[in-house]
C-alpha atoms as a PDB file:
ATOM      1  CA  UNK A   1      59.490  48.179  89.319  1.00  0.00           C
ATOM      2  CA  UNK A   2      61.418  51.218  88.143  1.00  0.00           C
ATOM      3  CA  UNK A   3      65.034  50.505  87.138  1.00  0.00           C
ATOM      4  CA  UNK A   4      66.199  53.530  89.123  1.00  0.00           C
ATOM      5  CA  UNK A   5      64.996  51.897  92.336  1.00  0.00           C
ATOM      6  CA  UNK A   6      66.601  48.537  91.562  1.00  0.00           C
ATOM      7  CA  UNK A   7      67.593  46.579  94.596  1.00  0.00           C
ATOM      8  CA  UNK A   8      71.308  46.840  95.251  1.00  0.00           C
ATOM      9  CA  UNK A   9      71.462  43.109  95.714  1.00  0.00           C
ATOM     10  CA  UNK A  10      70.249  42.721  92.157  1.00  0.00           C
ATOM     11  CA  UNK A  11      72.732  45.135  90.675  1.00  0.00           C
ATOM     12  CA  UNK A  12      75.600  43.540  88.622  1.00  0.00           C
ATOM     13  CA  UNK A  13      78.828  43.043  90.526  1.00  0.00           C
ATOM     14  CA  UNK A  14      81.627  45.512  89.677  1.00  0.00           C
ATOM     15  CA  UNK A  15      84.327  44.368  87.296  1.00  0.00           C
ATOM     16  CA  UNK A  16      87.357  42.607  88.782  1.00  0.00           C
ATOM     17  CA  UNK A  17      90.070  45.173  89.625  1.00  0.00           C
ATOM     18  CA  UNK A  18      92.895  42.654  89.152  1.00  0.00           C
ATOM     19  CA  UNK A  19      93.337  43.595  85.475  1.00  0.00           C
ATOM     20  CA  UNK A  20      93.672  47.251  86.334  1.00  0.00           C
ATOM     21  CA  UNK A  21      96.215  46.365  88.963  1.00  0.00           C
ATOM     22  CA  UNK A  22      98.262  44.405  86.441  1.00  0.00           C
ATOM     23  CA  UNK A  23      98.268  47.370  84.075  1.00  0.00           C
ATOM     24  CA  UNK A  24      99.331  49.695  86.848  1.00  0.00           C
ATOM     25  CA  UNK A  25     102.185  47.352  87.783  1.00  0.00           C
ATOM     26  CA  UNK A  26     103.273  46.989  84.166  1.00  0.00           C
ATOM     27  CA  UNK A  27     103.485  50.743  83.613  1.00  0.00           C
ATOM     28  CA  UNK A  28     106.698  51.302  85.652  1.00  0.00           C
ATOM     29  CA  UNK A  29     108.360  48.352  83.892  1.00  0.00           C
ATOM     30  CA  UNK A  30     107.462  49.807  80.500  1.00  0.00           C
ATOM     31  CA  UNK A  31     108.814  53.213  81.529  1.00  0.00           C
ATOM     32  CA  UNK A  32     112.091  51.669  82.696  1.00  0.00           C
ATOM     33  CA  UNK A  33     112.357  49.744  79.423  1.00  0.00           C
ATOM     34  CA  UNK A  34     111.798  52.889  77.374  1.00  0.00           C
ATOM     35  CA  UNK A  35     114.290  54.839  79.457  1.00  0.00           C
ATOM     36  CA  UNK A  36     116.916  52.124  78.916  1.00  0.00           C
ATOM     37  CA  UNK A  37     116.215  52.209  75.192  1.00  0.00           C
ATOM     38  CA  UNK A  38     116.541  55.998  75.128  1.00  0.00           C
ATOM     39  CA  UNK A  39     119.827  55.786  77.037  1.00  0.00           C
ATOM     40  CA  UNK A  40     121.165  53.183  74.597  1.00  0.00           C
ATOM     41  CA  UNK A  41     120.142  55.269  71.587  1.00  0.00           C
ATOM     42  CA  UNK A  42     121.698  58.358  73.153  1.00  0.00           C
ATOM     43  CA  UNK A  43     124.954  56.461  73.743  1.00  0.00           C
ATOM     44  CA  UNK A  44     124.955  55.265  70.116  1.00  0.00           C
ATOM     45  CA  UNK A  45     124.318  58.810  68.926  1.00  0.00           C
ATOM     46  CA  UNK A  46     127.155  60.250  71.009  1.00  0.00           C
ATOM     47  CA  UNK A  47     129.511  57.538  69.781  1.00  0.00           C
ATOM     48  CA  UNK A  48     128.532  58.214  66.176  1.00  0.00           C
ATOM     49  CA  UNK A  49     129.079  61.956  66.636  1.00  0.00           C
ATOM     50  CA  UNK A  50     132.494  61.343  68.235  1.00  0.00           C
ATOM     51  CA  UNK A  51     133.495  58.957  65.450  1.00  0.00           C
ATOM     52  CA  UNK A  52     132.395  61.456  62.806  1.00  0.00           C
ATOM     53  CA  UNK A  53     134.432  64.165  64.523  1.00  0.00           C
ATOM     54  CA  UNK A  54     137.494  61.900  64.662  1.00  0.00           C
ATOM     55  CA  UNK A  55     137.124  61.121  60.959  1.00  0.00           C
ATOM     56  CA  UNK A  56     136.787  64.828  60.180  1.00  0.00           C
ATOM     57  CA  UNK A  57     139.886  65.696  62.196  1.00  0.00           C
ATOM     58  CA  UNK A  58     141.877  62.842  60.659  1.00  0.00           C
ATOM     59  CA  UNK A  59     140.833  63.929  57.177  1.00  0.00           C
ATOM     60  CA  UNK A  60     141.786  67.529  57.942  1.00  0.00           C
ATOM     61  CA  UNK A  61     145.168  66.401  59.281  1.00  0.00           C
ATOM     62  CA  UNK A  62     145.800  64.275  56.209  1.00  0.00           C
ATOM     63  CA  UNK A  63     144.778  67.147  53.948  1.00  0.00           C
ATOM     64  CA  UNK A  64     147.210  69.467  55.723  1.00  0.00           C
ATOM     65  CA  UNK A  65     149.993  66.874  55.496  1.00  0.00           C
ATOM     66  CA  UNK A  66     149.403  66.426  51.777  1.00  0.00           C
ATOM     67  CA  UNK A  67     149.595  70.178  51.252  1.00  0.00           C
ATOM     68  CA  UNK A  68     152.576  70.511  53.611  1.00  0.00           C
ATOM     69  CA  UNK A  69     154.684  67.714  52.148  1.00  0.00           C
ATOM     70  CA  UNK A  70     153.434  67.685  48.561  1.00  0.00           C
ATOM     71  CA  UNK A  71     156.826  68.796  47.226  1.00  0.00           C
ATOM     72  CA  UNK A  72     158.832  66.127  49.081  1.00  0.00           C
ATOM     73  CA  UNK A  73     159.824  64.085  46.025  1.00  0.00           C
ATOM     74  CA  UNK A  74     160.627  67.168  43.965  1.00  0.00           C
ATOM     75  CA  UNK A  75     162.712  68.568  46.820  1.00  0.00           C
ATOM     76  CA  UNK A  76     164.730  65.353  47.075  1.00  0.00           C
ATOM     77  CA  UNK A  77     165.421  65.508  43.344  1.00  0.00           C
ATOM     78  CA  UNK A  78     166.645  69.106  43.652  1.00  0.00           C
ATOM     79  CA  UNK A  79     168.944  68.553  46.636  1.00  0.00           C
ATOM     80  CA  UNK A  80     171.902  67.458  44.437  1.00  0.00           C
ATOM     81  CA  UNK A  81     171.481  70.688  42.465  1.00  0.00           C
ATOM     82  CA  UNK A  82     171.847  72.726  45.648  1.00  0.00           C
ATOM     83  CA  UNK A  83     174.860  70.593  46.635  1.00  0.00           C
ATOM     84  CA  UNK A  84     176.587  71.139  43.295  1.00  0.00           C
ATOM     85  CA  UNK A  85     176.004  74.877  43.332  1.00  0.00           C
ATOM     86  CA  UNK A  86     177.546  75.080  46.810  1.00  0.00           C
ATOM     87  CA  UNK A  87     180.497  72.890  45.766  1.00  0.00           C
ATOM     88  CA  UNK A  88     181.109  75.069  42.719  1.00  0.00           C
ATOM     89  CA  UNK A  89     181.237  78.223  44.830  1.00  0.00           C
ATOM     90  CA  UNK A  90     183.437  76.665  47.505  1.00  0.00           C
ATOM     91  CA  UNK A  91     185.863  75.261  44.934  1.00  0.00           C
ATOM     92  CA  UNK A  92     186.401  78.651  43.278  1.00  0.00           C
ATOM     93  CA  UNK A  93     189.723  80.223  44.353  1.00  0.00           C
ATOM     94  CA  UNK A  94     189.533  83.636  45.996  1.00  0.00           C
ATOM     95  CA  UNK A  95     191.727  85.209  43.325  1.00  0.00           C
ATOM     96  CA  UNK A  96     189.354  83.983  40.631  1.00  0.00           C
ATOM     97  CA  UNK A  97     186.595  86.095  42.110  1.00  0.00           C
ATOM     98  CA  UNK A  98     188.663  89.223  41.443  1.00  0.00           C
ATOM     99  CA  UNK A  99     188.985  88.341  37.769  1.00  0.00           C
ATOM    100  CA  UNK A 100     186.533  90.370  35.702  1.00  0.00           C
ATOM    101  CA  UNK A 101     186.232  87.496  33.218  1.00  0.00           C
ATOM    102  CA  UNK A 102     184.676  85.118  35.771  1.00  0.00           C
ATOM    103  CA  UNK A 103     183.036  87.603  38.109  1.00  0.00           C
ATOM    104  CA  UNK A 104     179.780  87.566  36.183  1.00  0.00           C
ATOM    105  CA  UNK A 105     179.777  83.773  36.148  1.00  0.00           C
ATOM    106  CA  UNK A 106     180.327  83.618  39.909  1.00  0.00           C
ATOM    107  CA  UNK A 107     177.574  86.146  40.546  1.00  0.00           C
ATOM    108  CA  UNK A 108     175.236  84.133  38.334  1.00  0.00           C
ATOM    109  CA  UNK A 109     175.942  80.939  40.276  1.00  0.00           C
ATOM    110  CA  UNK A 110     175.449  82.756  43.577  1.00  0.00           C
ATOM    111  CA  UNK A 111     172.165  84.239  42.366  1.00  0.00           C
ATOM    112  CA  UNK A 112     170.981  80.816  41.206  1.00  0.00           C
ATOM    113  CA  UNK A 113     171.788  79.339  44.611  1.00  0.00           C
ATOM    114  CA  UNK A 114     169.977  82.164  46.402  1.00  0.00           C
ATOM    115  CA  UNK A 115     166.877  81.709  44.254  1.00  0.00           C
ATOM    116  CA  UNK A 116     166.890  77.957  44.826  1.00  0.00           C
ATOM    117  CA  UNK A 117     167.281  78.352  48.593  1.00  0.00           C
ATOM    118  CA  UNK A 118     164.535  80.991  48.646  1.00  0.00           C
ATOM    119  CA  UNK A 119     162.218  78.586  46.848  1.00  0.00           C
ATOM    120  CA  UNK A 120     163.143  75.877  49.329  1.00  0.00           C
ATOM    121  CA  UNK A 121     162.426  78.261  52.199  1.00  0.00           C
ATOM    122  CA  UNK A 122     158.924  78.991  50.912  1.00  0.00           C
ATOM    123  CA  UNK A 123     158.182  75.285  51.235  1.00  0.00           C
ATOM    124  CA  UNK A 124     159.823  74.864  54.650  1.00  0.00           C
ATOM    125  CA  UNK A 125     162.957  73.172  53.268  1.00  0.00           C
ATOM    126  CA  UNK A 126     166.136  74.002  55.183  1.00  0.00           C
ATOM    127  CA  UNK A 127     169.740  72.868  55.125  1.00  0.00           C
ATOM    128  CA  UNK A 128     171.052  71.136  58.252  1.00  0.00           C
ATOM    129  CA  UNK A 129     174.403  72.550  59.413  1.00  0.00           C
ATOM    130  CA  UNK A 130     175.501  70.070  62.086  1.00  0.00           C
ATOM    131  CA  UNK A 131     179.137  71.102  62.672  1.00  0.00           C
ATOM    132  CA  UNK A 132     179.689  71.941  66.334  1.00  0.00           C
ATOM    133  CA  UNK A 133     176.443  70.295  67.448  1.00  0.00           C
ATOM    134  CA  UNK A 134     176.033  66.946  69.225  1.00  0.00           C
ATOM    135  CA  UNK A 135     175.514  63.975  66.957  1.00  0.00           C
ATOM    136  CA  UNK A 136     171.799  63.325  66.380  1.00  0.00           C
ATOM    137  CA  UNK A 137     171.030  59.907  64.866  1.00  0.00           C
ATOM    138  CA  UNK A 138     167.665  61.225  63.721  1.00  0.00           C
ATOM    139  CA  UNK A 139     169.334  63.833  61.492  1.00  0.00           C
ATOM    140  CA  UNK A 140     172.930  62.743  61.015  1.00  0.00           C
ATOM    141  CA  UNK A 141     174.683  59.710  59.600  1.00  0.00           C
ATOM    142  CA  UNK A 142     178.131  59.137  61.122  1.00  0.00           C
ATOM    143  CA  UNK A 143     180.715  58.134  58.514  1.00  0.00           C
ATOM    144  CA  UNK A 144     183.853  58.097  60.684  1.00  0.00           C
ATOM    145  CA  UNK A 145     185.286  59.180  64.034  1.00  0.00           C
ATOM    146  CA  UNK A 146     187.879  61.919  64.379  1.00  0.00           C
ATOM    147  CA  UNK A 147     190.274  61.405  67.332  1.00  0.00           C
ATOM    148  CA  UNK A 148     192.422  64.104  68.889  1.00  0.00           C
ATOM    149  CA  UNK A 149     189.982  67.003  68.671  1.00  0.00           C
ATOM    150  CA  UNK A 150     189.232  69.490  71.430  1.00  0.00           C
ATOM    151  CA  UNK A 151     185.508  68.839  71.043  1.00  0.00           C
ATOM    152  CA  UNK A 152     183.503  66.676  73.462  1.00  0.00           C
ATOM    153  CA  UNK A 153     182.959  63.084  72.503  1.00  0.00           C
ATOM    154  CA  UNK A 154     180.099  62.741  70.003  1.00  0.00           C
ATOM    155  CA  UNK A 155     180.340  66.292  68.640  1.00  0.00           C
ATOM    156  CA  UNK A 156     180.072  66.689  64.872  1.00  0.00           C
ATOM    157  CA  UNK A 157     183.382  68.095  63.639  1.00  0.00           C
ATOM    158  CA  UNK A 158     183.114  67.506  59.883  1.00  0.00           C
ATOM    159  CA  UNK A 159     180.272  67.518  57.380  1.00  0.00           C
ATOM    160  CA  UNK A 160     180.807  65.625  54.145  1.00  0.00           C
ATOM    161  CA  UNK A 161     177.334  66.252  52.793  1.00  0.00           C
ATOM    162  CA  UNK A 162     174.734  68.644  54.145  1.00  0.00           C
ATOM    163  CA  UNK A 163     171.464  67.294  55.437  1.00  0.00           C
ATOM    164  CA  UNK A 164     168.060  68.709  54.633  1.00  0.00           C
ATOM    165  CA  UNK A 165     164.720  68.846  56.446  1.00  0.00           C
ATOM    166  CA  UNK A 166     161.246  69.772  55.258  1.00  0.00           C
ATOM    167  CA  UNK A 167     159.336  71.328  58.145  1.00  0.00           C
ATOM    168  CA  UNK A 168     159.816  68.658  60.827  1.00  0.00           C
ATOM    169  CA  UNK A 169     160.485  65.774  58.419  1.00  0.00           C
ATOM    170  CA  UNK A 170     163.966  64.627  57.389  1.00  0.00           C
ATOM    171  CA  UNK A 171     164.615  64.696  53.659  1.00  0.00           C
ATOM    172  CA  UNK A 172     168.226  63.556  53.814  1.00  0.00           C
ATOM    173  CA  UNK A 173     170.586  62.971  56.747  1.00  0.00           C
ATOM    174  CA  UNK A 174     173.861  64.859  56.928  1.00  0.00           C
ATOM    175  CA  UNK A 175     176.968  62.726  56.399  1.00  0.00           C
ATOM    176  CA  UNK A 176     179.289  63.658  59.245  1.00  0.00           C
ATOM    177  CA  UNK A 177     182.496  62.913  61.088  1.00  0.00           C
ATOM    178  CA  UNK A 178     182.180  62.709  64.864  1.00  0.00           C
ATOM    179  CA  UNK A 179     184.755  63.616  67.510  1.00  0.00           C
ATOM    180  CA  UNK A 180     186.218  60.727  69.474  1.00  0.00           C
ATOM    181  CA  UNK A 181     187.737  61.619  72.815  1.00  0.00           C
ATOM    182  CA  UNK A 182     190.920  59.985  74.033  1.00  0.00           C
ATOM    183  CA  UNK A 183     190.705  57.522  76.919  1.00  0.00           C
ATOM    184  CA  UNK A 184     190.343  59.313  80.286  1.00  0.00           C
ATOM    185  CA  UNK A 185     193.545  59.930  82.191  1.00  0.00           C
ATOM    186  CA  UNK A 186     194.351  57.146  84.645  1.00  0.00           C
ATOM    187  CA  UNK A 187     192.242  54.583  82.800  1.00  0.00           C
ATOM    188  CA  UNK A 188     193.793  51.129  82.833  1.00  0.00           C
ATOM    189  CA  UNK A 189     194.208  49.766  79.326  1.00  0.00           C
ATOM    190  CA  UNK A 190     192.869  46.292  78.742  1.00  0.00           C
ATOM    191  CA  UNK A 191     195.702  43.821  78.224  1.00  0.00           C
ATOM    192  CA  UNK A 192     195.440  41.630  75.150  1.00  0.00           C
ATOM    193  CA  UNK A 193     194.585  37.988  75.708  1.00  0.00           C
ATOM    194  CA  UNK A 194     197.571  35.686  75.362  1.00  0.00           C
ATOM    195  CA  UNK A 195     197.391  32.787  72.979  1.00  0.00           C
ATOM    196  CA  UNK A 196     197.654  30.232  75.802  1.00  0.00           C
ATOM    197  CA  UNK A 197     195.161  32.005  78.089  1.00  0.00           C
ATOM    198  CA  UNK A 198     191.745  30.340  78.371  1.00  0.00           C
ATOM    199  CA  UNK A 199     188.748  32.231  77.043  1.00  0.00           C
ATOM    200  CA  UNK A 200     185.059  32.085  77.863  1.00  0.00           C
ATOM    201  CA  UNK A 201     182.589  30.665  75.448  1.00  0.00           C
END
Protein backbone atom coordinates (compact mmCIF):
# COMPACT_ATOMS: atom_id res chain seq x y z
CA UNK A 1 0.00 0.00 0.00
CA UNK A 2 1.13 3.52 -0.82
CA UNK A 3 2.70 5.40 2.12
CA UNK A 4 0.61 8.46 1.29
CA UNK A 5 -2.56 6.52 2.05
CA UNK A 6 -1.24 5.09 5.32
CA UNK A 7 -3.90 4.37 7.86
CA UNK A 8 -4.05 7.07 10.50
CA UNK A 9 -4.12 4.42 13.17
CA UNK A 10 -0.74 3.24 11.94
CA UNK A 11 0.83 6.66 11.89
CA UNK A 12 3.41 7.36 14.69
CA UNK A 13 2.04 9.20 17.69
CA UNK A 14 3.03 12.89 17.94
CA UNK A 15 5.87 13.80 20.26
CA UNK A 16 5.00 14.57 23.89
CA UNK A 17 4.30 18.31 24.30
CA UNK A 18 5.41 18.33 27.95
CA UNK A 19 9.01 19.24 27.02
CA UNK A 20 7.85 22.19 24.98
CA UNK A 21 5.71 23.30 27.87
CA UNK A 22 8.67 23.17 30.23
CA UNK A 23 10.71 25.31 27.86
CA UNK A 24 7.90 27.81 27.56
CA UNK A 25 7.61 28.01 31.36
CA UNK A 26 11.36 28.39 31.77
CA UNK A 27 11.57 31.31 29.34
CA UNK A 28 9.96 33.92 31.65
CA UNK A 29 12.22 32.81 34.52
CA UNK A 30 15.29 33.21 32.33
CA UNK A 31 14.13 36.67 31.22
CA UNK A 32 13.60 37.75 34.83
CA UNK A 33 17.05 36.43 35.75
CA UNK A 34 18.68 38.34 32.90
CA UNK A 35 16.79 41.50 33.77
CA UNK A 36 17.96 41.24 37.39
CA UNK A 37 21.52 40.75 36.19
CA UNK A 38 21.26 43.77 33.90
CA UNK A 39 19.86 45.86 36.76
CA UNK A 40 22.71 44.78 39.05
CA UNK A 41 25.32 45.57 36.41
CA UNK A 42 23.70 48.94 35.75
CA UNK A 43 23.76 49.73 39.48
CA UNK A 44 27.45 48.77 39.66
CA UNK A 45 28.19 50.94 36.64
CA UNK A 46 26.39 53.96 38.10
CA UNK A 47 28.20 53.50 41.41
CA UNK A 48 31.55 53.26 39.63
CA UNK A 49 30.81 56.41 37.62
CA UNK A 50 29.77 58.29 40.79
CA UNK A 51 32.89 57.13 42.63
CA UNK A 52 35.10 58.18 39.72
CA UNK A 53 33.43 61.60 39.69
CA UNK A 54 33.94 61.98 43.45
CA UNK A 55 37.62 61.07 43.07
CA UNK A 56 37.97 63.57 40.23
CA UNK A 57 36.34 66.34 42.25
CA UNK A 58 38.41 65.53 45.33
CA UNK A 59 41.59 65.55 43.26
CA UNK A 60 40.62 68.88 41.69
CA UNK A 61 39.89 70.34 45.13
CA UNK A 62 43.21 69.12 46.48
CA UNK A 63 45.01 70.51 43.44
CA UNK A 64 43.38 73.90 43.97
CA UNK A 65 44.25 73.85 47.68
CA UNK A 66 47.87 73.04 46.91
CA UNK A 67 48.05 75.93 44.47
CA UNK A 68 46.11 78.23 46.82
CA UNK A 69 48.13 77.54 49.96
CA UNK A 70 51.49 76.60 48.46
CA UNK A 71 53.17 79.67 49.97
CA UNK A 72 51.89 79.08 53.51
CA UNK A 73 55.24 78.17 55.07
CA UNK A 74 57.08 80.94 53.26
CA UNK A 75 54.42 83.44 54.33
CA UNK A 76 54.77 82.42 57.98
CA UNK A 77 58.53 82.92 57.74
CA UNK A 78 58.04 86.41 56.30
CA UNK A 79 55.48 87.61 58.85
CA UNK A 80 58.17 88.74 61.35
CA UNK A 81 59.74 90.80 58.56
CA UNK A 82 56.46 92.63 58.02
CA UNK A 83 56.12 93.10 61.79
CA UNK A 84 59.60 94.58 62.12
CA UNK A 85 59.11 96.96 59.22
CA UNK A 86 55.89 98.23 60.80
CA UNK A 87 57.54 98.56 64.22
CA UNK A 88 60.42 100.52 62.70
CA UNK A 89 58.05 102.99 61.06
CA UNK A 90 55.88 103.37 64.15
CA UNK A 91 58.89 103.90 66.41
CA UNK A 92 60.26 106.74 64.27
CA UNK A 93 59.52 110.16 65.82
CA UNK A 94 57.54 112.59 63.70
CA UNK A 95 60.33 115.17 63.79
CA UNK A 96 62.77 112.61 62.42
CA UNK A 97 60.71 112.36 59.26
CA UNK A 98 61.36 116.05 58.57
CA UNK A 99 65.11 115.53 58.77
CA UNK A 100 66.60 115.34 55.29
CA UNK A 101 69.28 112.95 56.55
CA UNK A 102 66.78 110.20 57.44
CA UNK A 103 64.01 110.99 54.99
CA UNK A 104 65.45 108.74 52.32
CA UNK A 105 65.85 105.93 54.83
CA UNK A 106 62.24 106.26 55.97
CA UNK A 107 60.98 106.30 52.40
CA UNK A 108 63.02 103.19 51.66
CA UNK A 109 61.52 101.34 54.62
CA UNK A 110 58.02 102.43 53.62
CA UNK A 111 58.61 101.30 50.04
CA UNK A 112 59.92 97.94 51.25
CA UNK A 113 56.82 97.47 53.40
CA UNK A 114 54.53 98.38 50.51
CA UNK A 115 56.25 95.92 48.19
CA UNK A 116 56.06 93.16 50.79
CA UNK A 117 52.36 93.80 51.46
CA UNK A 118 51.66 93.91 47.71
CA UNK A 119 53.34 90.54 47.32
CA UNK A 120 51.30 89.21 50.21
CA UNK A 121 48.13 90.55 48.60
CA UNK A 122 48.84 88.72 45.35
CA UNK A 123 48.78 85.48 47.32
CA UNK A 124 45.68 86.35 49.38
CA UNK A 125 47.65 87.16 52.55
CA UNK A 126 46.13 89.96 54.64
CA UNK A 127 46.81 91.53 58.00
CA UNK A 128 44.08 91.20 60.64
CA UNK A 129 43.27 94.52 62.34
CA UNK A 130 41.04 93.48 65.24
CA UNK A 131 40.87 96.70 67.30
CA UNK A 132 37.26 97.78 67.76
CA UNK A 133 35.87 94.40 66.69
CA UNK A 134 34.39 91.69 68.91
CA UNK A 135 36.84 89.09 70.13
CA UNK A 136 36.95 86.10 67.76
CA UNK A 137 38.66 83.02 69.21
CA UNK A 138 39.19 81.71 65.69
CA UNK A 139 41.37 84.71 64.79
CA UNK A 140 42.45 86.31 68.05
CA UNK A 141 44.39 85.20 71.10
CA UNK A 142 43.43 87.13 74.25
CA UNK A 143 46.46 88.06 76.35
CA UNK A 144 44.77 90.19 79.03
CA UNK A 145 41.57 92.03 79.93
CA UNK A 146 41.32 95.81 80.05
CA UNK A 147 38.80 97.10 82.64
CA UNK A 148 37.31 100.58 82.67
CA UNK A 149 36.89 101.08 78.93
CA UNK A 150 33.82 102.48 77.20
CA UNK A 151 33.74 99.49 74.86
CA UNK A 152 31.29 96.60 75.25
CA UNK A 153 32.51 93.55 77.08
CA UNK A 154 34.60 91.32 74.80
CA UNK A 155 35.63 94.08 72.38
CA UNK A 156 39.27 94.11 71.28
CA UNK A 157 40.81 97.35 72.55
CA UNK A 158 44.53 96.65 72.11
CA UNK A 159 46.60 94.69 69.60
CA UNK A 160 50.04 93.58 70.70
CA UNK A 161 50.83 91.68 67.53
CA UNK A 162 48.89 91.74 64.28
CA UNK A 163 47.29 88.57 63.01
CA UNK A 164 47.47 87.31 59.46
CA UNK A 165 45.19 85.21 57.25
CA UNK A 166 45.78 83.54 53.90
CA UNK A 167 42.52 83.48 51.97
CA UNK A 168 40.21 81.88 54.55
CA UNK A 169 42.95 80.14 56.54
CA UNK A 170 44.57 81.60 59.66
CA UNK A 171 48.33 82.01 59.45
CA UNK A 172 48.80 83.59 62.86
CA UNK A 173 46.30 84.81 65.47
CA UNK A 174 46.40 88.41 66.63
CA UNK A 175 47.57 88.90 70.22
CA UNK A 176 45.00 91.21 71.77
CA UNK A 177 43.71 92.86 74.91
CA UNK A 178 39.96 92.58 75.46
CA UNK A 179 37.63 95.04 77.18
CA UNK A 180 36.19 93.92 80.50
CA UNK A 181 33.02 95.68 81.58
CA UNK A 182 32.43 96.63 85.19
CA UNK A 183 29.80 94.73 87.16
CA UNK A 184 26.25 95.89 86.28
CA UNK A 185 24.77 98.54 88.53
CA UNK A 186 22.74 97.07 91.38
CA UNK A 187 24.51 93.71 91.23
CA UNK A 188 25.03 92.20 94.66
CA UNK A 189 28.68 91.39 95.27
CA UNK A 190 29.41 87.90 96.51
CA UNK A 191 30.56 87.96 100.12
CA UNK A 192 33.76 86.09 100.87
CA UNK A 193 33.45 82.83 102.76
CA UNK A 194 34.44 83.12 106.40
CA UNK A 195 37.04 80.80 107.79
CA UNK A 196 34.55 79.15 110.16
CA UNK A 197 31.77 78.84 107.56
CA UNK A 198 31.17 75.32 106.23
CA UNK A 199 31.87 74.68 102.56
CA UNK A 200 30.56 72.11 100.12
CA UNK A 201 32.73 69.35 98.85
